[in-house]
Amino acid sequence: MKLGKMRYRITIENPINATDEDGFNQETFTEFATVWADITPVSSKEYFGSDQTVEEATSKIYIRHIPGINTLMRIRCGSRLFDIISILSDDRLGMTTIIAREVYTNGQSEL
């Protein structure tokens, strides 16, 4: 992976549970790190559920190695949201490959 291909600015977000004013637990996200990345689509599928079309795309996201990333986190790239499926670190090269899933319902990114 050549570093010159890292043209996307992504934010890795960490989930935190907070209690809202009504006493309900609500999951929110806080910024863990903002880094340059390369996003490469790998596969996609489309299916129909609950009277709506759902599209799911899997991508490989390449970043420089950052300790502490886990599969509970998510990635934001502009208005796109990616759910982290797995993390593959190559300490020898100082790179991390993240396998992530992006879900669209009726054309809108969601997670």
PDB file of N, CA and C in Angstrom:
ATOM      1  N   MET A   1       0.844  -1.177   0.000  1.00  0.00           N
ATOM      2  CA  MET A   1       0.000   0.000   0.000  1.00  0.00           C
ATOM      3  C   MET A   1       0.885   1.235   0.000  1.00  0.00           C
ATOM      4  N   LYS A   2       0.741   2.054  -0.991  1.00  0.00           N
ATOM      5  CA  LYS A   2       1.484   3.303  -1.067  1.00  0.00           C
ATOM      6  C   LYS A   2       0.704   4.386  -0.321  1.00  0.00           C
ATOM      7  N   LEU A   3       1.409   5.159   0.469  1.00  0.00           N
ATOM      8  CA  LEU A   3       0.758   6.182   1.270  1.00  0.00           C
ATOM      9  C   LEU A   3       0.105   7.256   0.414  1.00  0.00           C
ATOM     10  N   GLY A   4       0.557   7.446  -0.809  1.00  0.00           N
ATOM     11  CA  GLY A   4      -0.028   8.442  -1.692  1.00  0.00           C
ATOM     12  C   GLY A   4      -1.471   8.158  -2.061  1.00  0.00           C
ATOM     13  N   LYS A   5      -1.908   6.913  -1.917  1.00  0.00           N
ATOM     14  CA  LYS A   5      -3.285   6.556  -2.249  1.00  0.00           C
ATOM     15  C   LYS A   5      -4.254   6.903  -1.120  1.00  0.00           C
ATOM     16  N   MET A   6      -3.752   7.291   0.022  1.00  0.00           N
ATOM     17  CA  MET A   6      -4.606   7.625   1.160  1.00  0.00           C
ATOM     18  C   MET A   6      -5.165   9.032   0.969  1.00  0.00           C
ATOM     19  N   ARG A   7      -6.305   9.119   0.300  1.00  0.00           N
ATOM     20  CA  ARG A   7      -6.872  10.416  -0.051  1.00  0.00           C
ATOM     21  C   ARG A   7      -8.179  10.737   0.667  1.00  0.00           C
ATOM     22  N   TYR A   8      -8.651   9.838   1.518  1.00  0.00           N
ATOM     23  CA  TYR A   8      -9.890  10.069   2.252  1.00  0.00           C
ATOM     24  C   TYR A   8      -9.577  10.419   3.698  1.00  0.00           C
ATOM     25  N   ARG A   9     -10.207  11.455   4.207  1.00  0.00           N
ATOM     26  CA  ARG A   9     -10.042  11.835   5.613  1.00  0.00           C
ATOM     27  C   ARG A   9     -11.189  11.173   6.382  1.00  0.00           C
ATOM     28  N   ILE A  10     -10.837  10.258   7.281  1.00  0.00           N
ATOM     29  CA  ILE A  10     -11.857   9.524   8.033  1.00  0.00           C
ATOM     30  C   ILE A  10     -11.722   9.831   9.518  1.00  0.00           C
ATOM     31  N   THR A  11     -12.835   9.648  10.220  1.00  0.00           N
ATOM     32  CA  THR A  11     -12.851   9.781  11.668  1.00  0.00           C
ATOM     33  C   THR A  11     -13.276   8.445  12.251  1.00  0.00           C
ATOM     34  N   ILE A  12     -12.450   7.912  13.133  1.00  0.00           N
ATOM     35  CA  ILE A  12     -12.787   6.678  13.833  1.00  0.00           C
ATOM     36  C   ILE A  12     -13.481   7.111  15.120  1.00  0.00           C
ATOM     37  N   GLU A  13     -14.683   6.578  15.346  1.00  0.00           N
ATOM     38  CA  GLU A  13     -15.493   7.008  16.478  1.00  0.00           C
ATOM     39  C   GLU A  13     -15.680   5.881  17.480  1.00  0.00           C
ATOM     40  N   ASN A  14     -15.618   6.236  18.748  1.00  0.00           N
ATOM     41  CA  ASN A  14     -15.736   5.301  19.851  1.00  0.00           C
ATOM     42  C   ASN A  14     -17.127   5.437  20.481  1.00  0.00           C
ATOM     43  N   PRO A  15     -17.851   4.328  20.697  1.00  0.00           N
ATOM     44  CA  PRO A  15     -19.183   4.442  21.286  1.00  0.00           C
ATOM     45  C   PRO A  15     -19.113   4.707  22.791  1.00  0.00           C
ATOM     46  N   ILE A  16     -20.026   5.528  23.263  1.00  0.00           N
ATOM     47  CA  ILE A  16     -20.185   5.735  24.702  1.00  0.00           C
ATOM     48  C   ILE A  16     -21.672   5.696  25.016  1.00  0.00           C
ATOM     49  N   ASN A  17     -22.000   5.139  26.160  1.00  0.00           N
ATOM     50  CA  ASN A  17     -23.395   5.090  26.593  1.00  0.00           C
ATOM     51  C   ASN A  17     -23.657   6.259  27.523  1.00  0.00           C
ATOM     52  N   ALA A  18     -24.688   7.008  27.211  1.00  0.00           N
ATOM     53  CA  ALA A  18     -25.072   8.151  28.027  1.00  0.00           C
ATOM     54  C   ALA A  18     -26.551   8.016  28.367  1.00  0.00           C
ATOM     55  N   THR A  19     -26.950   8.623  29.447  1.00  0.00           N
ATOM     56  CA  THR A  19     -28.351   8.609  29.850  1.00  0.00           C
ATOM     57  C   THR A  19     -28.974   9.932  29.434  1.00  0.00           C
ATOM     58  N   ASP A  20     -30.107   9.856  28.709  1.00  0.00           N
ATOM     59  CA  ASP A  20     -30.770  11.087  28.282  1.00  0.00           C
ATOM     60  C   ASP A  20     -31.610  11.651  29.431  1.00  0.00           C
ATOM     61  N   GLU A  21     -32.280  12.761  29.191  1.00  0.00           N
ATOM     62  CA  GLU A  21     -33.039  13.447  30.240  1.00  0.00           C
ATOM     63  C   GLU A  21     -34.219  12.633  30.764  1.00  0.00           C
ATOM     64  N   ASP A  22     -34.660  11.624  29.996  1.00  0.00           N
ATOM     65  CA  ASP A  22     -35.755  10.761  30.433  1.00  0.00           C
ATOM     66  C   ASP A  22     -35.261   9.507  31.141  1.00  0.00           C
ATOM     67  N   GLY A  23     -33.948   9.357  31.297  1.00  0.00           N
ATOM     68  CA  GLY A  23     -33.384   8.213  31.999  1.00  0.00           C
ATOM     69  C   GLY A  23     -33.096   7.004  31.129  1.00  0.00           C
ATOM     70  N   PHE A  24     -33.224   7.143  29.818  1.00  0.00           N
ATOM     71  CA  PHE A  24     -32.964   6.037  28.905  1.00  0.00           C
ATOM     72  C   PHE A  24     -31.502   6.055  28.467  1.00  0.00           C
ATOM     73  N   ASN A  25     -30.927   4.862  28.303  1.00  0.00           N
ATOM     74  CA  ASN A  25     -29.566   4.775  27.784  1.00  0.00           C
ATOM     75  C   ASN A  25     -29.573   5.089  26.302  1.00  0.00           C
ATOM     76  N   GLN A  26     -28.636   5.886  25.887  1.00  0.00           N
ATOM     77  CA  GLN A  26     -28.526   6.272  24.486  1.00  0.00           C
ATOM     78  C   GLN A  26     -27.066   6.154  24.075  1.00  0.00           C
ATOM     79  N   GLU A  27     -26.823   5.424  22.977  1.00  0.00           N
ATOM     80  CA  GLU A  27     -25.453   5.277  22.488  1.00  0.00           C
ATOM     81  C   GLU A  27     -25.095   6.477  21.629  1.00  0.00           C
ATOM     82  N   THR A  28     -24.016   7.134  21.992  1.00  0.00           N
ATOM     83  CA  THR A  28     -23.486   8.229  21.195  1.00  0.00           C
ATOM     84  C   THR A  28     -22.039   7.892  20.866  1.00  0.00           C
ATOM     85  N   PHE A  29     -21.440   8.686  20.009  1.00  0.00           N
ATOM     86  CA  PHE A  29     -20.068   8.409  19.585  1.00  0.00           C
ATOM     87  C   PHE A  29     -19.199   9.634  19.811  1.00  0.00           C
ATOM     88  N   THR A  30     -17.964   9.374  20.201  1.00  0.00           N
ATOM     89  CA  THR A  30     -16.978  10.424  20.385  1.00  0.00           C
ATOM     90  C   THR A  30     -15.781  10.126  19.481  1.00  0.00           C
ATOM     91  N   GLU A  31     -15.074  11.155  19.077  1.00  0.00           N
ATOM     92  CA  GLU A  31     -13.945  10.987  18.157  1.00  0.00           C
ATOM     93  C   GLU A  31     -12.786  10.283  18.842  1.00  0.00           C
ATOM     94  N   PHE A  32     -12.296   9.222  18.222  1.00  0.00           N
ATOM     95  CA  PHE A  32     -11.123   8.491  18.702  1.00  0.00           C
ATOM     96  C   PHE A  32      -9.877   8.973  17.967  1.00  0.00           C
ATOM     97  N   ALA A  33      -9.974   9.077  16.636  1.00  0.00           N
ATOM     98  CA  ALA A  33      -8.844   9.538  15.816  1.00  0.00           C
ATOM     99  C   ALA A  33      -9.356   9.984  14.452  1.00  0.00           C
ATOM    100  N   THR A  34      -8.676  10.964  13.870  1.00  0.00           N
ATOM    101  CA  THR A  34      -8.942  11.388  12.496  1.00  0.00           C
ATOM    102  C   THR A  34      -7.666  11.165  11.707  1.00  0.00           C
ATOM    103  N   VAL A  35      -7.761  10.369  10.633  1.00  0.00           N
ATOM    104  CA  VAL A  35      -6.575   9.957   9.882  1.00  0.00           C
ATOM    105  C   VAL A  35      -6.871   9.945   8.380  1.00  0.00           C
ATOM    106  N   TRP A  36      -5.814   9.838   7.592  1.00  0.00           N
ATOM    107  CA  TRP A  36      -5.939   9.645   6.150  1.00  0.00           C
ATOM    108  C   TRP A  36      -6.084   8.164   5.871  1.00  0.00           C
ATOM    109  N   ALA A  37      -6.894   7.820   4.865  1.00  0.00           N
ATOM    110  CA  ALA A  37      -7.160   6.411   4.566  1.00  0.00           C
ATOM    111  C   ALA A  37      -7.394   6.218   3.078  1.00  0.00           C
ATOM    112  N   ASP A  38      -7.311   4.964   2.675  1.00  0.00           N
ATOM    113  CA  ASP A  38      -7.729   4.553   1.337  1.00  0.00           C
ATOM    114  C   ASP A  38      -8.908   3.604   1.525  1.00  0.00           C
ATOM    115  N   ILE A  39      -9.988   3.842   0.805  1.00  0.00           N
ATOM    116  CA  ILE A  39     -11.190   3.015   0.910  1.00  0.00           C
ATOM    117  C   ILE A  39     -11.380   2.295  -0.414  1.00  0.00           C
ATOM    118  N   THR A  40     -11.380   0.954  -0.361  1.00  0.00           N
ATOM    119  CA  THR A  40     -11.526   0.132  -1.554  1.00  0.00           C
ATOM    120  C   THR A  40     -12.753  -0.776  -1.410  1.00  0.00           C
ATOM    121  N   PRO A  41     -13.768  -0.617  -2.263  1.00  0.00           N
ATOM    122  CA  PRO A  41     -14.930  -1.504  -2.196  1.00  0.00           C
ATOM    123  C   PRO A  41     -14.531  -2.939  -2.526  1.00  0.00           C
ATOM    124  N   VAL A  42     -15.127  -3.895  -1.809  1.00  0.00           N
ATOM    125  CA  VAL A  42     -14.818  -5.303  -2.014  1.00  0.00           C
ATOM    126  C   VAL A  42     -16.022  -6.064  -2.553  1.00  0.00           C
ATOM    127  N   SER A  43     -17.183  -5.859  -1.935  1.00  0.00           N
ATOM    128  CA  SER A  43     -18.389  -6.563  -2.379  1.00  0.00           C
ATOM    129  C   SER A  43     -19.621  -5.778  -1.968  1.00  0.00           C
ATOM    130  N   SER A  44     -20.753  -6.151  -2.564  1.00  0.00           N
ATOM    131  CA  SER A  44     -22.019  -5.526  -2.191  1.00  0.00           C
ATOM    132  C   SER A  44     -23.150  -6.502  -2.412  1.00  0.00           C
ATOM    133  N   LYS A  45     -24.259  -6.241  -1.722  1.00  0.00           N
ATOM    134  CA  LYS A  45     -25.465  -7.033  -1.932  1.00  0.00           C
ATOM    135  C   LYS A  45     -26.659  -6.145  -1.686  1.00  0.00           C
ATOM    136  N   GLU A  46     -27.772  -6.555  -2.255  1.00  0.00           N
ATOM    137  CA  GLU A  46     -29.002  -5.792  -2.146  1.00  0.00           C
ATOM    138  C   GLU A  46     -30.128  -6.763  -1.815  1.00  0.00           C
ATOM    139  N   TYR A  47     -30.985  -6.357  -0.893  1.00  0.00           N
ATOM    140  CA  TYR A  47     -32.126  -7.193  -0.545  1.00  0.00           C
ATOM    141  C   TYR A  47     -33.300  -6.313  -0.147  1.00  0.00           C
ATOM    142  N   PHE A  48     -34.462  -6.915  -0.078  1.00  0.00           N
ATOM    143  CA  PHE A  48     -35.699  -6.202   0.217  1.00  0.00           C
ATOM    144  C   PHE A  48     -36.167  -6.623   1.596  1.00  0.00           C
ATOM    145  N   GLY A  49     -36.375  -5.662   2.480  1.00  0.00           N
ATOM    146  CA  GLY A  49     -36.842  -5.983   3.817  1.00  0.00           C
ATOM    147  C   GLY A  49     -37.657  -4.848   4.392  1.00  0.00           C
ATOM    148  N   SER A  50     -38.741  -5.187   5.072  1.00  0.00           N
ATOM    149  CA  SER A  50     -39.617  -4.204   5.718  1.00  0.00           C
ATOM    150  C   SER A  50     -40.062  -3.110   4.756  1.00  0.00           C
ATOM    151  N   ASP A  51     -40.508  -3.505   3.595  1.00  0.00           N
ATOM    152  CA  ASP A  51     -41.010  -2.576   2.573  1.00  0.00           C
ATOM    153  C   ASP A  51     -39.981  -1.537   2.130  1.00  0.00           C
ATOM    154  N   GLN A  52     -38.714  -1.901   2.172  1.00  0.00           N
ATOM    155  CA  GLN A  52     -37.683  -0.989   1.692  1.00  0.00           C
ATOM    156  C   GLN A  52     -36.506  -1.765   1.128  1.00  0.00           C
ATOM    157  N   THR A  53     -35.791  -1.128   0.235  1.00  0.00           N
ATOM    158  CA  THR A  53     -34.613  -1.743  -0.356  1.00  0.00           C
ATOM    159  C   THR A  53     -33.411  -1.463   0.532  1.00  0.00           C
ATOM    160  N   VAL A  54     -32.667  -2.515   0.845  1.00  0.00           N
ATOM    161  CA  VAL A  54     -31.476  -2.385   1.692  1.00  0.00           C
ATOM    162  C   VAL A  54     -30.266  -2.814   0.878  1.00  0.00           C
ATOM    163  N   GLU A  55     -29.260  -1.960   0.831  1.00  0.00           N
ATOM    164  CA  GLU A  55     -28.011  -2.261   0.149  1.00  0.00           C
ATOM    165  C   GLU A  55     -26.905  -2.307   1.194  1.00  0.00           C
ATOM    166  N   GLU A  56     -26.011  -3.248   1.022  1.00  0.00           N
ATOM    167  CA  GLU A  56     -24.911  -3.418   1.964  1.00  0.00           C
ATOM    168  C   GLU A  56     -23.619  -3.540   1.169  1.00  0.00           C
ATOM    169  N   ALA A  57     -22.638  -2.718   1.501  1.00  0.00           N
ATOM    170  CA  ALA A  57     -21.357  -2.764   0.809  1.00  0.00           C
ATOM    171  C   ALA A  57     -20.251  -3.039   1.818  1.00  0.00           C
ATOM    172  N   THR A  58     -19.330  -3.919   1.441  1.00  0.00           N
ATOM    173  CA  THR A  58     -18.173  -4.217   2.279  1.00  0.00           C
ATOM    174  C   THR A  58     -16.946  -3.585   1.623  1.00  0.00           C
ATOM    175  N   SER A  59     -16.136  -2.918   2.438  1.00  0.00           N
ATOM    176  CA  SER A  59     -14.948  -2.234   1.933  1.00  0.00           C
ATOM    177  C   SER A  59     -13.744  -2.564   2.786  1.00  0.00           C
ATOM    178  N   LYS A  60     -12.560  -2.422   2.175  1.00  0.00           N
ATOM    179  CA  LYS A  60     -11.311  -2.476   2.915  1.00  0.00           C
ATOM    180  C   LYS A  60     -10.861  -1.036   3.101  1.00  0.00           C
ATOM    181  N   ILE A  61     -10.535  -0.692   4.335  1.00  0.00           N
ATOM    182  CA  ILE A  61     -10.067   0.648   4.647  1.00  0.00           C
ATOM    183  C   ILE A  61      -8.641   0.512   5.163  1.00  0.00           C
ATOM    184  N   TYR A  62      -7.706   1.138   4.457  1.00  0.00           N
ATOM    185  CA  TYR A  62      -6.289   1.054   4.808  1.00  0.00           C
ATOM    186  C   TYR A  62      -5.877   2.336   5.531  1.00  0.00           C
ATOM    187  N   ILE A  63      -5.240   2.187   6.710  1.00  0.00           N
ATOM    188  CA  ILE A  63      -4.743   3.327   7.465  1.00  0.00           C
ATOM    189  C   ILE A  63      -3.362   2.984   8.028  1.00  0.00           C
ATOM    190  N   ARG A  64      -2.656   3.990   8.486  1.00  0.00           N
ATOM    191  CA  ARG A  64      -1.436   3.738   9.247  1.00  0.00           C
ATOM    192  C   ARG A  64      -1.847   3.158  10.587  1.00  0.00           C
ATOM    193  N   HIS A  65      -0.975   2.329  11.154  1.00  0.00           N
ATOM    194  CA  HIS A  65      -1.307   1.630  12.397  1.00  0.00           C
ATOM    195  C   HIS A  65      -1.595   2.605  13.539  1.00  0.00           C
ATOM    196  N   ILE A  66      -2.722   2.378  14.227  1.00  0.00           N
ATOM    197  CA  ILE A  66      -3.090   3.131  15.422  1.00  0.00           C
ATOM    198  C   ILE A  66      -3.480   2.111  16.484  1.00  0.00           C
ATOM    199  N   PRO A  67      -2.818   2.097  17.624  1.00  0.00           N
ATOM    200  CA  PRO A  67      -3.209   1.145  18.670  1.00  0.00           C
ATOM    201  C   PRO A  67      -4.544   1.530  19.288  1.00  0.00           C
ATOM    202  N   GLY A  68      -5.310   0.532  19.704  1.00  0.00           N
ATOM    203  CA  GLY A  68      -6.554   0.774  20.423  1.00  0.00           C
ATOM    204  C   GLY A  68      -7.823   0.679  19.605  1.00  0.00           C
ATOM    205  N   ILE A  69      -7.717   0.493  18.299  1.00  0.00           N
ATOM    206  CA  ILE A  69      -8.926   0.356  17.479  1.00  0.00           C
ATOM    207  C   ILE A  69      -9.558  -1.004  17.755  1.00  0.00           C
ATOM    208  N   ASN A  70     -10.897  -1.027  17.867  1.00  0.00           N
ATOM    209  CA  ASN A  70     -11.591  -2.299  18.080  1.00  0.00           C
ATOM    210  C   ASN A  70     -12.871  -2.347  17.250  1.00  0.00           C
ATOM    211  N   THR A  71     -13.515  -3.496  17.235  1.00  0.00           N
ATOM    212  CA  THR A  71     -14.686  -3.714  16.380  1.00  0.00           C
ATOM    213  C   THR A  71     -15.968  -3.088  16.931  1.00  0.00           C
ATOM    214  N   LEU A  72     -15.920  -2.488  18.096  1.00  0.00           N
ATOM    215  CA  LEU A  72     -17.085  -1.771  18.622  1.00  0.00           C
ATOM    216  C   LEU A  72     -17.158  -0.361  18.045  1.00  0.00           C
ATOM    217  N   MET A  73     -16.071   0.094  17.461  1.00  0.00           N
ATOM    218  CA  MET A  73     -16.001   1.442  16.903  1.00  0.00           C
ATOM    219  C   MET A  73     -16.632   1.489  15.515  1.00  0.00           C
ATOM    220  N   ARG A  74     -16.802   2.700  15.009  1.00  0.00           N
ATOM    221  CA  ARG A  74     -17.285   2.882  13.643  1.00  0.00           C
ATOM    222  C   ARG A  74     -16.428   3.938  12.968  1.00  0.00           C
ATOM    223  N   ILE A  75     -16.592   4.038  11.648  1.00  0.00           N
ATOM    224  CA  ILE A  75     -15.814   4.991  10.855  1.00  0.00           C
ATOM    225  C   ILE A  75     -16.773   5.918  10.127  1.00  0.00           C
ATOM    226  N   ARG A  76     -16.446   7.203  10.161  1.00  0.00           N
ATOM    227  CA  ARG A  76     -17.227   8.207   9.445  1.00  0.00           C
ATOM    228  C   ARG A  76     -16.336   8.826   8.376  1.00  0.00           C
ATOM    229  N   CYS A  77     -16.864   8.879   7.156  1.00  0.00           N
ATOM    230  CA  CYS A  77     -16.167   9.537   6.052  1.00  0.00           C
ATOM    231  C   CYS A  77     -17.186  10.453   5.387  1.00  0.00           C
ATOM    232  N   GLY A  78     -17.178  11.717   5.758  1.00  0.00           N
ATOM    233  CA  GLY A  78     -18.215  12.637   5.291  1.00  0.00           C
ATOM    234  C   GLY A  78     -19.555  12.212   5.866  1.00  0.00           C
ATOM    235  N   SER A  79     -20.529  11.934   5.000  1.00  0.00           N
ATOM    236  CA  SER A  79     -21.842  11.483   5.461  1.00  0.00           C
ATOM    237  C   SER A  79     -21.952   9.958   5.484  1.00  0.00           C
ATOM    238  N   ARG A  80     -20.890   9.274   5.103  1.00  0.00           N
ATOM    239  CA  ARG A  80     -20.897   7.801   5.076  1.00  0.00           C
ATOM    240  C   ARG A  80     -20.487   7.239   6.430  1.00  0.00           C
ATOM    241  N   LEU A  81     -21.162   6.146   6.844  1.00  0.00           N
ATOM    242  CA  LEU A  81     -20.847   5.467   8.097  1.00  0.00           C
ATOM    243  C   LEU A  81     -20.493   4.020   7.821  1.00  0.00           C
ATOM    244  N   PHE A  82     -19.423   3.547   8.442  1.00  0.00           N
ATOM    245  CA  PHE A  82     -18.960   2.175   8.268  1.00  0.00           C
ATOM    246  C   PHE A  82     -18.924   1.490   9.631  1.00  0.00           C
ATOM    247  N   ASP A  83     -19.464   0.283   9.698  1.00  0.00           N
ATOM    248  CA  ASP A  83     -19.405  -0.551  10.883  1.00  0.00           C
ATOM    249  C   ASP A  83     -18.179  -1.442  10.746  1.00  0.00           C
ATOM    250  N   ILE A  84     -17.279  -1.436  11.726  1.00  0.00           N
ATOM    251  CA  ILE A  84     -16.048  -2.220  11.644  1.00  0.00           C
ATOM    252  C   ILE A  84     -16.354  -3.694  11.886  1.00  0.00           C
ATOM    253  N   ILE A  85     -15.980  -4.545  10.930  1.00  0.00           N
ATOM    254  CA  ILE A  85     -16.190  -5.990  11.041  1.00  0.00           C
ATOM    255  C   ILE A  85     -14.940  -6.662  11.600  1.00  0.00           C
ATOM    256  N   SER A  86     -13.774  -6.343  11.038  1.00  0.00           N
ATOM    257  CA  SER A  86     -12.527  -6.933  11.534  1.00  0.00           C
ATOM    258  C   SER A  86     -11.368  -5.979  11.285  1.00  0.00           C
ATOM    259  N   ILE A  87     -10.289  -6.228  12.040  1.00  0.00           N
ATOM    260  CA  ILE A  87      -9.102  -5.379  11.975  1.00  0.00           C
ATOM    261  C   ILE A  87      -7.883  -6.271  11.776  1.00  0.00           C
ATOM    262  N   LEU A  88      -7.123  -6.000  10.728  1.00  0.00           N
ATOM    263  CA  LEU A  88      -5.936  -6.786  10.412  1.00  0.00           C
ATOM    264  C   LEU A  88      -4.721  -5.861  10.461  1.00  0.00           C
ATOM    265  N   SER A  89      -3.880  -6.033  11.479  1.00  0.00           N
ATOM    266  CA  SER A  89      -2.701  -5.175  11.626  1.00  0.00           C
ATOM    267  C   SER A  89      -1.463  -5.862  11.077  1.00  0.00           C
ATOM    268  N   ASP A  90      -0.636  -5.096  10.387  1.00  0.00           N
ATOM    269  CA  ASP A  90       0.652  -5.576   9.905  1.00  0.00           C
ATOM    270  C   ASP A  90       1.713  -4.682  10.534  1.00  0.00           C
ATOM    271  N   ASP A  91       2.206  -5.097  11.702  1.00  0.00           N
ATOM    272  CA  ASP A  91       3.187  -4.303  12.431  1.00  0.00           C
ATOM    273  C   ASP A  91       4.475  -4.109  11.642  1.00  0.00           C
ATOM    274  N   ARG A  92       4.797  -5.067  10.799  1.00  0.00           N
ATOM    275  CA  ARG A  92       6.022  -5.006   9.999  1.00  0.00           C
ATOM    276  C   ARG A  92       5.989  -3.805   9.063  1.00  0.00           C
ATOM    277  N   LEU A  93       4.819  -3.543   8.462  1.00  0.00           N
ATOM    278  CA  LEU A  93       4.676  -2.422   7.532  1.00  0.00           C
ATOM    279  C   LEU A  93       4.095  -1.175   8.193  1.00  0.00           C
ATOM    280  N   GLY A  94       3.600  -1.319   9.440  1.00  0.00           N
ATOM    281  CA  GLY A  94       2.996  -0.185  10.118  1.00  0.00           C
ATOM    282  C   GLY A  94       1.641   0.193   9.550  1.00  0.00           C
ATOM    283  N   MET A  95       0.946  -0.782   8.960  1.00  0.00           N
ATOM    284  CA  MET A  95      -0.354  -0.538   8.329  1.00  0.00           C
ATOM    285  C   MET A  95      -1.443  -1.377   9.001  1.00  0.00           C
ATOM    286  N   THR A  96      -2.652  -0.883   8.933  1.00  0.00           N
ATOM    287  CA  THR A  96      -3.816  -1.612   9.427  1.00  0.00           C
ATOM    288  C   THR A  96      -4.851  -1.657   8.322  1.00  0.00           C
ATOM    289  N   THR A  97      -5.412  -2.839   8.094  1.00  0.00           N
ATOM    290  CA  THR A  97      -6.507  -3.011   7.145  1.00  0.00           C
ATOM    291  C   THR A  97      -7.766  -3.261   7.945  1.00  0.00           C
ATOM    292  N   ILE A  98      -8.773  -2.446   7.708  1.00  0.00           N
ATOM    293  CA  ILE A  98     -10.052  -2.586   8.400  1.00  0.00           C
ATOM    294  C   ILE A  98     -11.083  -3.062   7.393  1.00  0.00           C
ATOM    295  N   ILE A  99     -11.747  -4.167   7.717  1.00  0.00           N
ATOM    296  CA  ILE A  99     -12.869  -4.634   6.895  1.00  0.00           C
ATOM    297  C   ILE A  99     -14.122  -4.013   7.511  1.00  0.00           C
ATOM    298  N   ALA A 100     -14.857  -3.260   6.705  1.00  0.00           N
ATOM    299  CA  ALA A 100     -15.996  -2.512   7.228  1.00  0.00           C
ATOM    300  C   ALA A 100     -17.217  -2.672   6.329  1.00  0.00           C
ATOM    301  N   ARG A 101     -18.386  -2.514   6.951  1.00  0.00           N
ATOM    302  CA  ARG A 101     -19.664  -2.671   6.247  1.00  0.00           C
ATOM    303  C   ARG A 101     -20.404  -1.345   6.278  1.00  0.00           C
ATOM    304  N   GLU A 102     -20.926  -0.962   5.119  1.00  0.00           N
ATOM    305  CA  GLU A 102     -21.732   0.246   4.984  1.00  0.00           C
ATOM    306  C   GLU A 102     -23.125  -0.185   4.544  1.00  0.00           C
ATOM    307  N   VAL A 103     -24.151   0.301   5.229  1.00  0.00           N
ATOM    308  CA  VAL A 103     -25.526  -0.096   4.932  1.00  0.00           C
ATOM    309  C   VAL A 103     -26.302   1.117   4.447  1.00  0.00           C
ATOM    310  N   TYR A 104     -27.050   0.919   3.364  1.00  0.00           N
ATOM    311  CA  TYR A 104     -27.920   1.955   2.813  1.00  0.00           C
ATOM    312  C   TYR A 104     -29.353   1.442   2.841  1.00  0.00           C
ATOM    313  N   THR A 105     -30.282   2.263   3.303  1.00  0.00           N
ATOM    314  CA  THR A 105     -31.698   1.945   3.214  1.00  0.00           C
ATOM    315  C   THR A 105     -32.338   3.038   2.375  1.00  0.00           C
ATOM    316  N   ASN A 106     -32.907   2.643   1.251  1.00  0.00           N
ATOM    317  CA  ASN A 106     -33.509   3.587   0.303  1.00  0.00           C
ATOM    318  C   ASN A 106     -32.562   4.727  -0.048  1.00  0.00           C
ATOM    319  N   GLY A 107     -31.287   4.367  -0.292  1.00  0.00           N
ATOM    320  CA  GLY A 107     -30.310   5.336  -0.752  1.00  0.00           C
ATOM    321  C   GLY A 107     -29.635   6.142   0.335  1.00  0.00           C
ATOM    322  N   GLN A 108     -29.997   5.941   1.605  1.00  0.00           N
ATOM    323  CA  GLN A 108     -29.425   6.709   2.714  1.00  0.00           C
ATOM    324  C   GLN A 108     -28.495   5.818   3.529  1.00  0.00           C
ATOM    325  N   SER A 109     -27.295   6.323   3.833  1.00  0.00           N
ATOM    326  CA  SER A 109     -26.344   5.580   4.668  1.00  0.00           C
ATOM    327  C   SER A 109     -26.864   5.548   6.094  1.00  0.00           C
ATOM    328  N   GLU A 110     -26.768   4.386   6.724  1.00  0.00           N
ATOM    329  CA  GLU A 110     -27.240   4.261   8.103  1.00  0.00           C
ATOM    330  C   GLU A 110     -26.419   3.229   8.844  1.00  0.00           C
ATOM    331  N   LEU A 111     -26.386   3.346  10.126  1.00  0.00           N
ATOM    332  CA  LEU A 111     -25.832   2.357  11.065  1.00  0.00           C
ATOM    333  C   LEU A 111     -26.337   2.659  12.430  1.00  0.00           C
TER     334      LEU A 111
END
